Amino acid sequence: MLDNTGVFESNSTCSVSLGEIEAKPLTSFSHGGGCGCKIDPTQLSQILANVPRTTPNPQLLVGIENSDDAAVYQISDSEALVFTNDFHTPTIDDPYVYGRAAAANALSDIYAMGGRPIMATAIAGFPVNELQTETLQEVMRGGVDACTEAEVALSGGHSIDNPQPIFGLAAIGRVHPKRIKTNAAAKPGDELILTQPLGIGVLASAYRVDMLDSAAYDEFVRALMHMNKQGSWLGEIDDVHAMTDVTGFGLAGHLVEMARGASVTMEIAADVVPVLPSALPLAEEGVFPGGAYRNMESYSAVLSFGEDWDLDRQLLFTDPQTNGGLLIAVDPGATRDVLERLTDQGCPSATVIGRVAAKKATAQPHVAFVR
């Protein structure tokens, strides 16, 4: 708390005058940025090994059984609540962009379920004795502006003094129980649409070592602050069978979750998958975050690539995305209309990247990248 002299008091033995705090880059406090700071999938499975995968509560329509984006709880015949919480460490030093990206990333979980967010509370942890008040105010302003764009009431929150900056939201949305889009309902024959290009993790890694020119930096910022509001109207389309957002486990990891949930095979036309233009040459130089390697190791048993592919080409598909796009399984008859609408509403890179195929009876669900 602040006393009347303007000195910050904490439970520690250190007191620092806020006016004397030296400006420090946000990313200097974190060992991993954005959704790349997630616990790797293999470790996470071990940590959750004793957590029940199902619940006897019939009103809990979606829980942790298929690693979906959010939980869904039915409150009436015509309405269900969608709940998520999501936060991450800084991907960028601009505090406003960080706050806005973190909030957009959290709200994306609601959109990915076909829902419409209605309220949120903030989750915040900062090394308050080491960051200037103005910096923290800018993080909050970014979060508020993201909520305002989504027409969501930011209604409170919880904060702690924490060595690494973390920021995000606990968010609630609403959806009709018959309109929920899970990550486990893709059908053989469906086409797969990705709404935003890959490469955010590559740009984040390049940013940390000062390898981005001004054009690449602008592209990085635009990608981080994108809002997946399209998910709300996609949820109203019967021919959209399944949906998720592409975040920390990379495109490949989220395809694996969809394949496992529906017990199918995903066939991806690798050469048409959109990638941020600035990220391509950096990927060719091997500029990837550690999360891309961890994701590859965790999912390698259920991924297949051409024999002539080098590792850098493969890692683009496990590159962790912070606030990445939506991944949609849609009936082929509706693909054209969905793509046209996505293009008109802020997703010019939306692309059909592959299809869903039935798996062989003795095979496990997997993802095949072909050229």
Protein backbone atom coordinates (compact mmCIF):
# COMPACT_ATOMS: atom_id res chain seq x y z
CA MET A 1 0.00 0.00 0.00
CA LEU A 2 1.02 3.66 -0.32
CA ASP A 3 1.56 5.78 2.74
CA ASN A 4 1.23 9.56 2.66
CA THR A 5 4.87 9.98 1.64
CA GLY A 6 4.45 8.10 -1.62
CA VAL A 7 6.53 5.12 -0.50
CA PHE A 8 5.40 1.63 -1.46
CA GLU A 9 5.10 -0.65 1.55
CA SER A 10 5.12 -4.42 1.20
CA ASN A 11 5.48 -7.43 3.46
CA SER A 12 9.10 -7.69 2.38
CA THR A 13 11.93 -5.76 3.99
CA CYS A 14 12.32 -3.58 0.90
CA SER A 15 10.58 -0.22 0.47
CA VAL A 16 11.00 1.67 -2.77
CA SER A 17 9.84 5.14 -3.68
CA LEU A 18 7.72 4.77 -6.79
CA GLY A 19 9.29 7.84 -8.29
CA GLU A 20 12.74 6.24 -8.09
CA ILE A 21 11.94 2.96 -9.87
CA GLU A 22 14.08 2.55 -12.96
CA ALA A 23 12.23 1.73 -16.18
CA LYS A 24 12.83 -1.91 -17.13
CA PRO A 25 11.60 -3.91 -20.15
CA LEU A 26 8.66 -6.15 -19.27
CA THR A 27 10.19 -9.11 -21.07
CA SER A 28 13.32 -8.90 -18.92
CA PHE A 29 11.34 -10.33 -15.99
CA SER A 30 10.04 -13.45 -17.77
CA HIS A 31 11.89 -16.57 -18.88
CA GLY A 32 9.20 -17.30 -21.48
CA GLY A 33 6.71 -14.98 -23.14
CA GLY A 34 3.01 -15.22 -23.95
CA CYS A 35 1.51 -18.64 -24.53
CA GLY A 36 5.04 -19.95 -24.97
CA CYS A 37 5.28 -19.94 -21.17
CA LYS A 38 2.78 -22.81 -20.90
CA ILE A 39 3.82 -26.01 -19.17
CA ASP A 40 4.69 -28.48 -21.90
CA PRO A 41 1.95 -31.00 -22.78
CA THR A 42 3.77 -34.06 -21.42
CA GLN A 43 4.45 -32.46 -18.03
CA LEU A 44 0.91 -31.12 -17.88
CA SER A 45 -0.53 -34.59 -18.44
CA GLN A 46 1.56 -35.90 -15.55
CA ILE A 47 0.47 -33.06 -13.27
CA LEU A 48 -3.21 -33.69 -14.06
CA ALA A 49 -2.95 -37.49 -13.84
CA ASN A 50 -4.99 -37.68 -10.61
CA VAL A 51 -7.59 -35.07 -11.55
CA PRO A 52 -10.93 -36.74 -12.47
CA ARG A 53 -11.62 -36.46 -16.20
CA THR A 54 -15.39 -36.65 -15.79
CA THR A 55 -17.96 -35.38 -13.30
CA PRO A 56 -21.38 -36.76 -12.28
CA ASN A 57 -22.94 -33.30 -12.65
CA PRO A 58 -25.22 -33.49 -15.73
CA GLN A 59 -25.31 -29.70 -16.05
CA LEU A 60 -21.56 -29.54 -16.73
CA LEU A 61 -21.71 -29.97 -20.49
CA VAL A 62 -17.99 -29.46 -21.16
CA GLY A 63 -15.23 -30.09 -18.62
CA ILE A 64 -11.62 -31.23 -18.87
CA GLU A 65 -12.30 -34.53 -20.63
CA ASN A 66 -11.03 -33.33 -24.03
CA SER A 67 -8.77 -30.41 -23.01
CA ASP A 68 -11.26 -27.94 -24.44
CA ASP A 69 -10.89 -24.17 -24.42
CA ALA A 70 -13.44 -23.48 -21.69
CA ALA A 71 -15.93 -25.15 -19.37
CA VAL A 72 -19.66 -24.97 -20.14
CA TYR A 73 -22.42 -25.19 -17.53
CA GLN A 74 -26.09 -25.38 -18.50
CA ILE A 75 -28.46 -23.14 -16.50
CA SER A 76 -31.65 -23.55 -18.56
CA ASP A 77 -32.99 -25.23 -21.69
CA SER A 78 -31.91 -22.24 -23.76
CA GLU A 79 -28.78 -20.97 -22.04
CA ALA A 80 -25.42 -22.18 -20.80
CA LEU A 81 -22.52 -20.29 -19.25
CA VAL A 82 -19.01 -20.56 -20.70
CA PHE A 83 -16.16 -20.04 -18.22
CA THR A 84 -12.43 -19.70 -18.70
CA ASN A 85 -9.39 -18.12 -17.11
CA ASP A 86 -6.22 -17.36 -19.02
CA PHE A 87 -3.11 -15.32 -18.29
CA HIS A 88 0.49 -15.20 -19.46
CA THR A 89 3.81 -13.46 -19.11
CA PRO A 90 4.89 -10.57 -21.39
CA THR A 91 5.60 -11.24 -25.05
CA ILE A 92 6.41 -7.61 -25.75
CA ASP A 93 7.74 -4.63 -23.79
CA ASP A 94 4.94 -2.24 -24.76
CA PRO A 95 2.68 -2.54 -21.69
CA TYR A 96 -0.48 -1.49 -23.51
CA VAL A 97 0.00 -4.09 -26.24
CA TYR A 98 0.79 -6.73 -23.60
CA GLY A 99 -2.38 -5.97 -21.64
CA ARG A 100 -4.57 -5.88 -24.71
CA ALA A 101 -3.11 -9.09 -26.15
CA ALA A 102 -3.47 -10.96 -22.85
CA ALA A 103 -7.11 -9.94 -22.50
CA ALA A 104 -7.91 -10.77 -26.14
CA ASN A 105 -6.24 -14.15 -25.70
CA ALA A 106 -8.43 -14.93 -22.67
CA LEU A 107 -11.65 -13.84 -24.38
CA SER A 108 -10.71 -16.02 -27.36
CA ASP A 109 -11.52 -19.11 -25.28
CA ILE A 110 -15.16 -17.97 -25.07
CA TYR A 111 -15.30 -17.27 -28.79
CA ALA A 112 -13.71 -20.65 -29.57
CA MET A 113 -16.67 -22.38 -27.88
CA GLY A 114 -19.10 -20.45 -30.08
CA GLY A 115 -20.02 -18.23 -27.16
CA ARG A 116 -20.38 -14.52 -26.55
CA PRO A 117 -18.43 -13.07 -23.58
CA ILE A 118 -20.46 -10.98 -21.14
CA MET A 119 -18.14 -10.15 -18.23
CA ALA A 120 -14.59 -10.60 -17.00
CA THR A 121 -12.38 -10.02 -14.01
CA ALA A 122 -8.66 -9.34 -14.20
CA ILE A 123 -5.86 -11.66 -13.07
CA ALA A 124 -2.70 -9.67 -12.33
CA GLY A 125 0.67 -10.35 -10.78
CA PHE A 126 3.53 -7.86 -10.97
CA PRO A 127 6.90 -7.22 -9.33
CA VAL A 128 5.45 -3.99 -7.96
CA ASN A 129 8.73 -2.78 -6.41
CA GLU A 130 10.47 -3.03 -9.80
CA LEU A 131 7.95 -1.68 -12.33
CA GLN A 132 6.81 1.90 -12.66
CA THR A 133 3.19 2.65 -11.82
CA GLU A 134 2.68 4.12 -15.30
CA THR A 135 3.73 0.81 -16.83
CA LEU A 136 1.18 -1.12 -14.79
CA GLN A 137 -1.51 1.42 -15.62
CA GLU A 138 -0.82 0.90 -19.33
CA VAL A 139 -1.16 -2.88 -18.96
CA MET A 140 -4.54 -2.34 -17.34
CA ARG A 141 -5.58 0.16 -20.02
CA GLY A 142 -4.83 -2.40 -22.70
CA GLY A 143 -6.96 -4.98 -20.90
CA VAL A 144 -9.83 -2.50 -20.50
CA ASP A 145 -9.72 -1.56 -24.20
CA ALA A 146 -9.84 -5.21 -25.27
CA CYS A 147 -12.88 -5.76 -23.06
CA THR A 148 -14.49 -2.60 -24.42
CA GLU A 149 -14.00 -3.82 -28.00
CA ALA A 150 -15.65 -7.10 -27.03
CA GLU A 151 -18.48 -5.25 -25.24
CA VAL A 152 -17.52 -6.98 -22.01
CA ALA A 153 -17.75 -5.48 -18.55
CA LEU A 154 -14.40 -5.69 -16.72
CA SER A 155 -15.91 -6.10 -13.28
CA GLY A 156 -13.01 -6.46 -10.85
CA GLY A 157 -10.12 -8.83 -10.37
CA HIS A 158 -7.36 -10.12 -8.15
CA SER A 159 -3.72 -9.03 -7.95
CA ILE A 160 -0.56 -10.24 -6.25
CA ASP A 161 3.06 -9.15 -5.95
CA ASN A 162 4.84 -11.61 -8.22
CA PRO A 163 8.44 -11.90 -9.54
CA GLN A 164 7.27 -12.41 -13.14
CA PRO A 165 4.58 -10.15 -14.60
CA ILE A 166 1.38 -12.04 -15.39
CA PHE A 167 -1.87 -10.65 -16.72
CA GLY A 168 -5.08 -12.06 -18.10
CA LEU A 169 -8.76 -12.54 -17.40
CA ALA A 170 -11.28 -14.85 -15.85
CA ALA A 171 -14.18 -14.54 -18.28
CA ILE A 172 -17.78 -15.68 -18.54
CA GLY A 173 -19.84 -15.96 -21.71
CA ARG A 174 -23.18 -17.34 -22.78
CA VAL A 175 -24.13 -19.86 -25.44
CA HIS A 176 -27.19 -21.90 -26.38
CA PRO A 177 -26.66 -25.51 -25.19
CA LYS A 178 -27.28 -26.78 -28.72
CA ARG A 179 -24.81 -24.31 -30.26
CA ILE A 180 -21.69 -25.21 -28.28
CA LYS A 181 -18.63 -25.77 -30.47
CA THR A 182 -16.20 -28.14 -28.79
CA ASN A 183 -12.82 -29.33 -30.08
CA ALA A 184 -14.09 -32.93 -30.20
CA ALA A 185 -16.88 -32.94 -32.81
CA ALA A 186 -15.08 -32.86 -36.16
CA LYS A 187 -16.52 -35.31 -38.73
CA PRO A 188 -14.79 -37.23 -41.52
CA GLY A 189 -15.13 -35.17 -44.68
CA ASP A 190 -15.06 -31.82 -42.88
CA GLU A 191 -12.73 -29.16 -44.21
CA LEU A 192 -10.38 -27.38 -41.81
CA ILE A 193 -10.13 -23.59 -41.84
CA LEU A 194 -7.45 -21.55 -40.07
CA THR A 195 -8.42 -17.90 -39.63
CA GLN A 196 -5.03 -16.29 -38.85
CA PRO A 197 -1.44 -16.92 -39.99
CA LEU A 198 1.12 -18.79 -37.89
CA GLY A 199 4.46 -17.37 -36.77
CA ILE A 200 3.70 -15.31 -33.65
CA GLY A 201 6.11 -17.37 -31.56
CA VAL A 202 8.84 -16.91 -34.16
CA LEU A 203 8.37 -13.14 -34.11
CA ALA A 204 8.30 -13.13 -30.31
CA SER A 205 11.64 -14.94 -30.23
CA ALA A 206 13.13 -12.57 -32.80
CA TYR A 207 11.83 -9.58 -30.83
CA ARG A 208 13.63 -10.71 -27.68
CA VAL A 209 16.97 -10.69 -29.52
CA ASP A 210 16.30 -7.46 -31.46
CA MET A 211 15.91 -9.09 -34.88
CA LEU A 212 12.66 -7.37 -35.96
CA ASP A 213 12.66 -4.40 -38.32
CA SER A 214 9.85 -1.85 -38.07
CA ALA A 215 7.60 -3.64 -40.57
CA ALA A 216 7.99 -6.97 -38.77
CA TYR A 217 7.36 -5.28 -35.42
CA ASP A 218 4.11 -3.74 -36.72
CA GLU A 219 3.04 -7.14 -38.04
CA PHE A 220 3.83 -8.67 -34.63
CA VAL A 221 1.73 -6.08 -32.78
CA ARG A 222 -1.25 -6.48 -35.13
CA ALA A 223 -1.20 -10.25 -34.69
CA LEU A 224 -1.00 -10.02 -30.91
CA MET A 225 -3.99 -7.67 -30.61
CA HIS A 226 -6.35 -9.45 -33.02
CA MET A 227 -9.72 -10.38 -31.52
CA ASN A 228 -11.40 -13.69 -32.44
CA LYS A 229 -14.92 -12.25 -32.27
CA GLN A 230 -15.88 -14.26 -35.36
CA GLY A 231 -16.33 -17.27 -33.08
CA SER A 232 -19.68 -15.95 -31.83
CA TRP A 233 -21.39 -16.07 -35.21
CA LEU A 234 -19.55 -19.25 -36.21
CA GLY A 235 -21.25 -20.84 -33.21
CA GLU A 236 -24.63 -20.18 -34.76
CA ILE A 237 -23.84 -22.18 -37.93
CA ASP A 238 -24.92 -25.83 -37.80
CA ASP A 239 -22.40 -26.81 -40.48
CA VAL A 240 -19.54 -25.66 -38.24
CA HIS A 241 -18.97 -28.89 -36.32
CA ALA A 242 -15.93 -28.16 -34.14
CA MET A 243 -13.74 -25.24 -33.21
CA THR A 244 -10.73 -24.31 -31.08
CA ASP A 245 -8.20 -21.49 -30.93
CA VAL A 246 -4.54 -22.01 -31.76
CA THR A 247 -2.40 -20.96 -28.81
CA GLY A 248 0.48 -22.35 -26.78
CA PHE A 249 0.55 -25.90 -28.16
CA GLY A 250 0.86 -24.67 -31.74
CA LEU A 251 -1.27 -25.64 -34.72
CA ALA A 252 -0.05 -29.23 -34.54
CA GLY A 253 -0.91 -29.62 -30.86
CA HIS A 254 -4.42 -28.27 -31.24
CA LEU A 255 -4.97 -30.46 -34.30
CA VAL A 256 -3.92 -33.45 -32.19
CA GLU A 257 -6.47 -32.51 -29.52
CA MET A 258 -9.20 -32.26 -32.16
CA ALA A 259 -8.15 -35.59 -33.69
CA ARG A 260 -8.16 -37.35 -30.34
CA GLY A 261 -11.46 -35.85 -29.29
CA ALA A 262 -13.24 -37.02 -32.44
CA SER A 263 -11.14 -40.17 -32.99
CA VAL A 264 -10.18 -39.11 -36.52
CA THR A 265 -7.15 -38.27 -38.65
CA MET A 266 -6.28 -34.73 -39.69
CA GLU A 267 -4.71 -34.33 -43.13
CA ILE A 268 -3.02 -30.94 -43.58
CA ALA A 269 -1.86 -29.43 -46.87
CA ALA A 270 1.26 -27.91 -45.36
CA ASP A 271 2.15 -25.58 -48.23
CA VAL A 272 -1.13 -23.65 -47.99
CA VAL A 273 -1.02 -23.02 -44.22
CA PRO A 274 -0.75 -19.22 -43.88
CA VAL A 275 2.37 -17.87 -42.14
CA LEU A 276 3.13 -14.26 -41.25
CA PRO A 277 5.43 -12.95 -44.02
CA SER A 278 8.01 -11.59 -41.56
CA ALA A 279 8.19 -14.94 -39.77
CA LEU A 280 9.15 -17.05 -42.80
CA PRO A 281 12.78 -15.89 -43.25
CA LEU A 282 13.30 -15.98 -39.49
CA ALA A 283 12.05 -19.56 -39.33
CA GLU A 284 14.47 -20.50 -42.10
CA GLU A 285 17.24 -19.17 -39.84
CA GLY A 286 16.01 -21.38 -36.99
CA VAL A 287 14.54 -18.60 -34.85
CA PHE A 288 12.04 -20.47 -32.68
CA PRO A 289 11.00 -20.32 -29.02
CA GLY A 290 11.73 -23.22 -26.70
CA GLY A 291 8.01 -24.01 -26.65
CA ALA A 292 8.14 -25.08 -30.32
CA TYR A 293 10.73 -27.76 -29.47
CA ARG A 294 8.80 -28.89 -26.37
CA ASN A 295 5.59 -29.19 -28.37
CA MET A 296 7.35 -31.18 -31.07
CA GLU A 297 8.78 -33.57 -28.51
CA SER A 298 5.40 -34.01 -26.78
CA TYR A 299 3.40 -34.66 -29.96
CA SER A 300 5.96 -36.28 -32.28
CA ALA A 301 4.48 -39.77 -31.89
CA VAL A 302 1.19 -38.65 -33.46
CA LEU A 303 2.57 -36.29 -36.11
CA SER A 304 3.85 -37.29 -39.55
CA PHE A 305 5.84 -35.21 -42.05
CA GLY A 306 7.50 -35.89 -45.38
CA GLU A 307 10.90 -37.57 -45.18
CA ASP A 308 12.60 -34.62 -46.91
CA TRP A 309 11.38 -32.03 -44.41
CA ASP A 310 13.96 -30.26 -42.29
CA LEU A 311 13.25 -29.53 -38.63
CA ASP A 312 12.72 -25.79 -39.15
CA ARG A 313 9.90 -26.50 -41.58
CA GLN A 314 8.23 -28.80 -39.04
CA LEU A 315 8.66 -26.42 -36.12
CA LEU A 316 6.45 -23.81 -37.76
CA PHE A 317 3.53 -26.11 -36.96
CA THR A 318 4.45 -26.48 -33.28
CA ASP A 319 5.34 -22.80 -32.84
CA PRO A 320 3.34 -21.57 -29.80
CA GLN A 321 0.91 -18.83 -30.75
CA THR A 322 -0.09 -16.05 -28.38
CA ASN A 323 -3.65 -15.08 -29.26
CA GLY A 324 -3.59 -17.12 -32.47
CA GLY A 325 -6.51 -17.66 -34.82
CA LEU A 326 -9.45 -20.05 -34.81
CA LEU A 327 -9.24 -23.59 -36.17
CA ILE A 328 -12.60 -24.67 -37.57
CA ALA A 329 -14.01 -27.99 -38.84
CA VAL A 330 -16.81 -27.23 -41.28
CA ASP A 331 -19.01 -29.17 -43.67
CA PRO A 332 -17.61 -28.68 -47.23
CA GLY A 333 -20.97 -27.34 -48.40
CA ALA A 334 -20.63 -24.36 -46.09
CA THR A 335 -16.92 -23.66 -46.58
CA ARG A 336 -17.26 -20.99 -49.25
CA ASP A 337 -19.82 -18.95 -47.33
CA VAL A 338 -17.81 -19.20 -44.10
CA LEU A 339 -14.60 -18.09 -45.85
CA GLU A 340 -16.31 -15.13 -47.50
CA ARG A 341 -17.78 -13.99 -44.21
CA LEU A 342 -14.45 -14.40 -42.39
CA THR A 343 -12.69 -12.34 -45.06
CA ASP A 344 -15.29 -9.59 -44.75
CA GLN A 345 -14.93 -9.52 -40.96
CA GLY A 346 -11.23 -9.09 -40.38
CA CYS A 347 -9.69 -12.44 -41.38
CA PRO A 348 -8.24 -11.90 -44.89
CA SER A 349 -5.80 -14.80 -44.41
CA ALA A 350 -8.52 -17.36 -43.59
CA THR A 351 -7.62 -20.51 -45.53
CA VAL A 352 -8.73 -24.10 -45.96
CA ILE A 353 -5.65 -25.96 -44.70
CA GLY A 354 -6.82 -29.57 -44.87
CA ARG A 355 -9.55 -32.04 -44.13
CA VAL A 356 -10.77 -34.54 -41.58
CA ALA A 357 -10.46 -38.22 -42.50
CA ALA A 358 -11.69 -41.38 -40.85
CA LYS A 359 -8.91 -43.21 -39.09
CA LYS A 360 -8.22 -46.89 -39.60
CA ALA A 361 -9.76 -49.12 -36.96
CA THR A 362 -6.40 -50.17 -35.49
CA ALA A 363 -4.72 -46.76 -35.76
CA GLN A 364 -4.58 -44.01 -33.19
CA PRO A 365 -5.76 -40.50 -34.06
CA HIS A 366 -2.98 -38.52 -35.67
CA VAL A 367 -2.11 -35.50 -37.80
CA ALA A 368 -0.45 -35.89 -41.20
CA PHE A 369 1.26 -32.89 -42.85
CA VAL A 370 1.52 -33.46 -46.61
CA ARG A 371 2.76 -31.38 -49.55
